[in-house]
Amino acid sequence: VYNNTYGHMVARHIYDKLLNHQLDVLPYPWKGNTAILMPTGSGKTEVAFWAMLYYKEENKKAVFLAPTLALVKQQYNRFLLFCDEKMKGNIELLTGETDVNKRNYEGGYIFTTPQTLYNDISNGKLNVNDISIVIFDEMHNTRKSEKGKGHAYYKLALLLNGKVKILGLTASISEKKLRNELRYIMGINNIK
């Protein structure tokens, strides 16, 4: 069910291009935090773009996280391919390369690294209550290290779990122990 918001119009455009195997993992209707486990190149990212557009609430942010600057930029540029000029003005690429004074989180769709988002939430630049959905690309990075410290994904997942919708994407998760750990950390109750 689509409403008349601009984000939903773009989501419908993406939906019309999805293949059957992508439609099978579409997180609709939302049944809780979801992990999508599919091979590399199978179209997880397009499903995530649809979810960002569909589940973004009015006056809130949809955030796409990737663990490296290069991957954040790549996914940001892919997302732009689905958007017209009107939509592009509402999309931001905010990373550690962005001057901290210019990271204002004014757009509705944010592409960033986990460390940047974690720092900006911790420093009060962005309130968790202003976020409706967060995509964790390469979600297998969301785990505690051997020394008890975690990747920024780990810290963010603990901070966001129960407060926002979480959609995790990975092609690299087969170990049952890791799946169980991520279910707990990220509040994942739906694996596709």
C-alpha atoms as a PDB file:
ATOM      1  CA  VAL A   1       0.000   0.000   0.000  1.00  0.00           C
ATOM      2  CA  TYR A   2       1.545   3.257  -1.121  1.00  0.00           C
ATOM      3  CA  ASN A   3       0.521   6.742  -0.079  1.00  0.00           C
ATOM      4  CA  ASN A   4       1.041   9.922  -2.059  1.00  0.00           C
ATOM      5  CA  THR A   5       4.367  10.968  -0.535  1.00  0.00           C
ATOM      6  CA  TYR A   6       7.212  11.518  -2.941  1.00  0.00           C
ATOM      7  CA  GLY A   7       9.298   8.807  -1.248  1.00  0.00           C
ATOM      8  CA  HIS A   8       6.533   6.283  -1.843  1.00  0.00           C
ATOM      9  CA  MET A   9       6.365   7.252  -5.516  1.00  0.00           C
ATOM     10  CA  VAL A  10      10.088   6.525  -5.877  1.00  0.00           C
ATOM     11  CA  ALA A  11       9.673   3.296  -3.828  1.00  0.00           C
ATOM     12  CA  ARG A  12       6.979   2.163  -6.269  1.00  0.00           C
ATOM     13  CA  HIS A  13       9.385   2.896  -9.153  1.00  0.00           C
ATOM     14  CA  ILE A  14      12.016   0.644  -7.511  1.00  0.00           C
ATOM     15  CA  TYR A  15       9.437  -2.036  -6.685  1.00  0.00           C
ATOM     16  CA  ASP A  16       8.437  -2.270 -10.338  1.00  0.00           C
ATOM     17  CA  LYS A  17      12.059  -3.134 -11.221  1.00  0.00           C
ATOM     18  CA  LEU A  18      12.637  -5.779  -8.546  1.00  0.00           C
ATOM     19  CA  LEU A  19      13.014  -9.406  -9.574  1.00  0.00           C
ATOM     20  CA  ASN A  20      11.066 -12.279  -7.984  1.00  0.00           C
ATOM     21  CA  HIS A  21      13.913 -13.302  -5.644  1.00  0.00           C
ATOM     22  CA  GLN A  22      14.114  -9.693  -4.415  1.00  0.00           C
ATOM     23  CA  LEU A  23      10.363  -9.478  -3.900  1.00  0.00           C
ATOM     24  CA  ASP A  24      10.589 -12.655  -1.802  1.00  0.00           C
ATOM     25  CA  VAL A  25      12.831 -10.897   0.753  1.00  0.00           C
ATOM     26  CA  LEU A  26      11.089  -7.522   0.725  1.00  0.00           C
ATOM     27  CA  PRO A  27      10.456  -6.552   4.362  1.00  0.00           C
ATOM     28  CA  TYR A  28       6.746  -5.956   3.845  1.00  0.00           C
ATOM     29  CA  PRO A  29       4.733  -5.839   5.925  1.00  0.00           C
ATOM     30  CA  TRP A  30       7.230  -4.847   8.612  1.00  0.00           C
ATOM     31  CA  LYS A  31       7.471  -7.671  11.138  1.00  0.00           C
ATOM     32  CA  GLY A  32      10.383  -6.366  13.171  1.00  0.00           C
ATOM     33  CA  ASN A  33      14.075  -5.812  12.582  1.00  0.00           C
ATOM     34  CA  THR A  34      15.143  -7.830   9.575  1.00  0.00           C
ATOM     35  CA  ALA A  35      18.319  -9.344   8.159  1.00  0.00           C
ATOM     36  CA  ILE A  36      18.581 -10.114   4.465  1.00  0.00           C
ATOM     37  CA  LEU A  37      21.129 -12.834   3.706  1.00  0.00           C
ATOM     38  CA  MET A  38      21.736 -13.100  -0.020  1.00  0.00           C
ATOM     39  CA  PRO A  39      24.792 -13.645  -2.223  1.00  0.00           C
ATOM     40  CA  THR A  40      26.842 -10.740  -3.519  1.00  0.00           C
ATOM     41  CA  GLY A  41      25.271  -9.239  -6.615  1.00  0.00           C
ATOM     42  CA  SER A  42      21.783 -10.590  -5.919  1.00  0.00           C
ATOM     43  CA  GLY A  43      20.123  -7.211  -5.357  1.00  0.00           C
ATOM     44  CA  LYS A  44      20.055  -6.696  -1.586  1.00  0.00           C
ATOM     45  CA  THR A  45      20.870  -3.022  -2.013  1.00  0.00           C
ATOM     46  CA  GLU A  46      17.829  -2.288  -4.182  1.00  0.00           C
ATOM     47  CA  VAL A  47      15.617  -3.973  -1.583  1.00  0.00           C
ATOM     48  CA  ALA A  48      17.232  -1.726   1.058  1.00  0.00           C
ATOM     49  CA  PHE A  49      16.639   1.376  -1.065  1.00  0.00           C
ATOM     50  CA  TRP A  50      12.977   0.409  -1.363  1.00  0.00           C
ATOM     51  CA  ALA A  51      12.773  -0.024   2.432  1.00  0.00           C
ATOM     52  CA  MET A  52      14.411   3.366   3.055  1.00  0.00           C
ATOM     53  CA  LEU A  53      11.879   5.078   0.820  1.00  0.00           C
ATOM     54  CA  TYR A  54       8.874   3.093   1.983  1.00  0.00           C
ATOM     55  CA  TYR A  55       9.489   3.143   5.743  1.00  0.00           C
ATOM     56  CA  LYS A  56      10.880   6.667   6.130  1.00  0.00           C
ATOM     57  CA  GLU A  57       8.443   8.579   8.292  1.00  0.00           C
ATOM     58  CA  GLU A  58       7.579  12.197   7.637  1.00  0.00           C
ATOM     59  CA  ASN A  59      10.054  14.620   9.231  1.00  0.00           C
ATOM     60  CA  LYS A  60      12.414  11.759  10.108  1.00  0.00           C
ATOM     61  CA  LYS A  61      15.581  10.339   8.565  1.00  0.00           C
ATOM     62  CA  ALA A  62      16.280   7.139   6.691  1.00  0.00           C
ATOM     63  CA  VAL A  63      19.956   6.250   7.126  1.00  0.00           C
ATOM     64  CA  PHE A  64      22.116   3.950   4.992  1.00  0.00           C
ATOM     65  CA  LEU A  65      25.325   2.799   6.693  1.00  0.00           C
ATOM     66  CA  ALA A  66      28.312   1.162   5.052  1.00  0.00           C
ATOM     67  CA  PRO A  67      31.544   0.283   6.859  1.00  0.00           C
ATOM     68  CA  THR A  68      33.944   2.081   4.506  1.00  0.00           C
ATOM     69  CA  LEU A  69      34.012   5.485   2.900  1.00  0.00           C
ATOM     70  CA  ALA A  70      34.339   3.955  -0.571  1.00  0.00           C
ATOM     71  CA  LEU A  71      31.263   1.760  -0.074  1.00  0.00           C
ATOM     72  CA  VAL A  72      29.192   4.632   1.362  1.00  0.00           C
ATOM     73  CA  LYS A  73      30.009   6.735  -1.701  1.00  0.00           C
ATOM     74  CA  GLN A  74      29.219   3.823  -4.033  1.00  0.00           C
ATOM     75  CA  GLN A  75      25.804   3.191  -2.451  1.00  0.00           C
ATOM     76  CA  TYR A  76      25.008   6.923  -2.339  1.00  0.00           C
ATOM     77  CA  ASN A  77      25.715   7.192  -6.069  1.00  0.00           C
ATOM     78  CA  ARG A  78      23.575   4.095  -6.773  1.00  0.00           C
ATOM     79  CA  PHE A  79      20.681   5.590  -4.808  1.00  0.00           C
ATOM     80  CA  LEU A  80      20.931   8.807  -6.826  1.00  0.00           C
ATOM     81  CA  LEU A  81      20.267   6.792 -10.001  1.00  0.00           C
ATOM     82  CA  PHE A  82      16.720   6.129  -8.757  1.00  0.00           C
ATOM     83  CA  CYS A  83      16.006   9.771  -7.933  1.00  0.00           C
ATOM     84  CA  ASP A  84      15.115  12.836  -9.952  1.00  0.00           C
ATOM     85  CA  GLU A  85      16.412  16.344  -9.224  1.00  0.00           C
ATOM     86  CA  LYS A  86      13.623  17.066  -6.731  1.00  0.00           C
ATOM     87  CA  MET A  87      14.570  14.036  -4.654  1.00  0.00           C
ATOM     88  CA  LYS A  88      18.339  14.579  -4.926  1.00  0.00           C
ATOM     89  CA  GLY A  89      18.061  17.755  -2.846  1.00  0.00           C
ATOM     90  CA  ASN A  90      16.854  15.619   0.068  1.00  0.00           C
ATOM     91  CA  ILE A  91      19.799  13.177   0.056  1.00  0.00           C
ATOM     92  CA  GLU A  92      23.042  13.738   1.950  1.00  0.00           C
ATOM     93  CA  LEU A  93      26.441  12.060   1.950  1.00  0.00           C
ATOM     94  CA  LEU A  94      27.927  12.727   5.398  1.00  0.00           C
ATOM     95  CA  THR A  95      31.237  11.149   6.353  1.00  0.00           C
ATOM     96  CA  GLY A  96      34.318  11.876   8.387  1.00  0.00           C
ATOM     97  CA  GLU A  97      35.528  13.818   5.341  1.00  0.00           C
ATOM     98  CA  THR A  98      32.602  16.219   5.777  1.00  0.00           C
ATOM     99  CA  ASP A  99      33.459  19.184   7.994  1.00  0.00           C
ATOM    100  CA  VAL A 100      31.796  18.487  11.352  1.00  0.00           C
ATOM    101  CA  ASN A 101      30.227  21.972  11.253  1.00  0.00           C
ATOM    102  CA  LYS A 102      28.576  21.137   7.921  1.00  0.00           C
ATOM    103  CA  ARG A 103      27.070  17.828   9.061  1.00  0.00           C
ATOM    104  CA  ASN A 104      23.602  19.211   9.761  1.00  0.00           C
ATOM    105  CA  TYR A 105      21.480  16.187   8.836  1.00  0.00           C
ATOM    106  CA  GLU A 106      19.033  18.355   6.925  1.00  0.00           C
ATOM    107  CA  GLY A 107      18.177  15.765   4.273  1.00  0.00           C
ATOM    108  CA  GLY A 108      15.660  13.006   4.742  1.00  0.00           C
ATOM    109  CA  TYR A 109      17.990  10.335   3.329  1.00  0.00           C
ATOM    110  CA  ILE A 110      21.458  10.072   4.826  1.00  0.00           C
ATOM    111  CA  PHE A 111      24.395   7.959   3.586  1.00  0.00           C
ATOM    112  CA  THR A 112      27.203   7.728   6.102  1.00  0.00           C
ATOM    113  CA  THR A 113      29.717   5.538   7.886  1.00  0.00           C
ATOM    114  CA  PRO A 114      28.852   3.999  11.252  1.00  0.00           C
ATOM    115  CA  GLN A 115      31.585   5.912  13.073  1.00  0.00           C
ATOM    116  CA  THR A 116      30.339   9.255  11.737  1.00  0.00           C
ATOM    117  CA  LEU A 117      26.753   8.503  12.738  1.00  0.00           C
ATOM    118  CA  TYR A 118      27.777   7.201  16.157  1.00  0.00           C
ATOM    119  CA  ASN A 119      29.916  10.274  16.831  1.00  0.00           C
ATOM    120  CA  ASP A 120      27.209  12.681  15.703  1.00  0.00           C
ATOM    121  CA  ILE A 121      24.519  11.003  17.828  1.00  0.00           C
ATOM    122  CA  SER A 122      26.896  10.942  20.808  1.00  0.00           C
ATOM    123  CA  ASN A 123      27.733  14.632  20.314  1.00  0.00           C
ATOM    124  CA  GLY A 124      24.079  15.675  19.957  1.00  0.00           C
ATOM    125  CA  LYS A 125      24.206  16.603  16.268  1.00  0.00           C
ATOM    126  CA  LEU A 126      21.439  14.058  15.557  1.00  0.00           C
ATOM    127  CA  ASN A 127      18.784  12.689  17.879  1.00  0.00           C
ATOM    128  CA  VAL A 128      17.884   8.989  17.595  1.00  0.00           C
ATOM    129  CA  ASN A 129      14.219  10.004  17.758  1.00  0.00           C
ATOM    130  CA  ASP A 130      14.688  11.772  14.413  1.00  0.00           C
ATOM    131  CA  ILE A 131      15.493   8.479  12.638  1.00  0.00           C
ATOM    132  CA  SER A 132      12.871   6.033  11.377  1.00  0.00           C
ATOM    133  CA  ILE A 133      14.981   3.328   9.670  1.00  0.00           C
ATOM    134  CA  VAL A 134      18.674   2.422   9.484  1.00  0.00           C
ATOM    135  CA  ILE A 135      20.201   0.112   6.887  1.00  0.00           C
ATOM    136  CA  PHE A 136      23.319  -1.775   8.035  1.00  0.00           C
ATOM    137  CA  ASP A 137      25.105  -2.785   4.829  1.00  0.00           C
ATOM    138  CA  GLU A 138      27.659  -5.529   5.567  1.00  0.00           C
ATOM    139  CA  MET A 139      25.885  -6.187   8.877  1.00  0.00           C
ATOM    140  CA  HIS A 140      28.316  -8.996   9.755  1.00  0.00           C
ATOM    141  CA  ASN A 141      30.583  -6.198  11.046  1.00  0.00           C
ATOM    142  CA  THR A 142      28.145  -5.727  13.931  1.00  0.00           C
ATOM    143  CA  ARG A 143      29.890  -7.786  16.548  1.00  0.00           C
ATOM    144  CA  LYS A 144      32.078  -7.391  19.572  1.00  0.00           C
ATOM    145  CA  SER A 145      35.794  -7.868  19.051  1.00  0.00           C
ATOM    146  CA  GLU A 146      37.934 -10.334  20.966  1.00  0.00           C
ATOM    147  CA  LYS A 147      39.093  -7.500  23.233  1.00  0.00           C
ATOM    148  CA  GLY A 148      35.517  -6.575  24.157  1.00  0.00           C
ATOM    149  CA  LYS A 149      35.492  -3.496  21.982  1.00  0.00           C
ATOM    150  CA  GLY A 150      33.148  -3.312  19.061  1.00  0.00           C
ATOM    151  CA  HIS A 151      33.134  -1.959  15.572  1.00  0.00           C
ATOM    152  CA  ALA A 152      31.088   1.251  15.363  1.00  0.00           C
ATOM    153  CA  TYR A 153      28.286  -0.931  13.958  1.00  0.00           C
ATOM    154  CA  TYR A 154      28.196  -2.780  17.278  1.00  0.00           C
ATOM    155  CA  LYS A 155      27.922   0.438  19.290  1.00  0.00           C
ATOM    156  CA  LEU A 156      25.247   1.805  16.959  1.00  0.00           C
ATOM    157  CA  ALA A 157      23.188  -1.378  17.011  1.00  0.00           C
ATOM    158  CA  LEU A 158      23.109  -1.318  20.809  1.00  0.00           C
ATOM    159  CA  LEU A 159      22.164   2.359  20.742  1.00  0.00           C
ATOM    160  CA  LEU A 160      19.453   2.037  18.064  1.00  0.00           C
ATOM    161  CA  ASN A 161      17.916  -1.362  18.882  1.00  0.00           C
ATOM    162  CA  GLY A 162      14.303  -0.875  19.943  1.00  0.00           C
ATOM    163  CA  LYS A 163      14.245   2.778  18.875  1.00  0.00           C
ATOM    164  CA  VAL A 164      14.314   2.564  15.078  1.00  0.00           C
ATOM    165  CA  LYS A 165      13.630   0.014  12.372  1.00  0.00           C
ATOM    166  CA  ILE A 166      16.817  -1.897  11.493  1.00  0.00           C
ATOM    167  CA  LEU A 167      17.440  -3.678   8.200  1.00  0.00           C
ATOM    168  CA  GLY A 168      20.728  -5.568   7.927  1.00  0.00           C
ATOM    169  CA  LEU A 169      22.280  -6.788   4.680  1.00  0.00           C
ATOM    170  CA  THR A 170      25.010  -9.372   4.249  1.00  0.00           C
ATOM    171  CA  ALA A 171      26.333 -12.076   1.991  1.00  0.00           C
ATOM    172  CA  SER A 172      28.870 -13.209   4.593  1.00  0.00           C
ATOM    173  CA  ILE A 173      27.027 -14.771   7.462  1.00  0.00           C
ATOM    174  CA  SER A 174      26.729 -18.477   7.842  1.00  0.00           C
ATOM    175  CA  GLU A 175      28.078 -19.231  11.288  1.00  0.00           C
ATOM    176  CA  LYS A 176      25.162 -19.951  13.625  1.00  0.00           C
ATOM    177  CA  LYS A 177      26.913 -18.347  16.627  1.00  0.00           C
ATOM    178  CA  LEU A 178      27.366 -15.102  14.714  1.00  0.00           C
ATOM    179  CA  ARG A 179      23.735 -15.149  13.555  1.00  0.00           C
ATOM    180  CA  ASN A 180      22.566 -15.548  17.153  1.00  0.00           C
ATOM    181  CA  GLU A 181      24.872 -12.772  18.357  1.00  0.00           C
ATOM    182  CA  LEU A 182      23.589 -10.390  15.692  1.00  0.00           C
ATOM    183  CA  ARG A 183      19.976 -11.299  16.444  1.00  0.00           C
ATOM    184  CA  TYR A 184      20.556 -10.222  20.021  1.00  0.00           C
ATOM    185  CA  ILE A 185      22.640  -7.095  19.334  1.00  0.00           C
ATOM    186  CA  MET A 186      20.443  -5.784  16.517  1.00  0.00           C
ATOM    187  CA  GLY A 187      17.102  -7.096  17.723  1.00  0.00           C
ATOM    188  CA  ILE A 188      16.751  -9.134  14.525  1.00  0.00           C
ATOM    189  CA  ASN A 189      13.675 -11.312  14.639  1.00  0.00           C
ATOM    190  CA  ASN A 190      13.178 -11.837  10.938  1.00  0.00           C
ATOM    191  CA  ILE A 191      15.832 -13.445   8.694  1.00  0.00           C
ATOM    192  CA  LYS A 192      15.246 -13.640   4.956  1.00  0.00           C
END
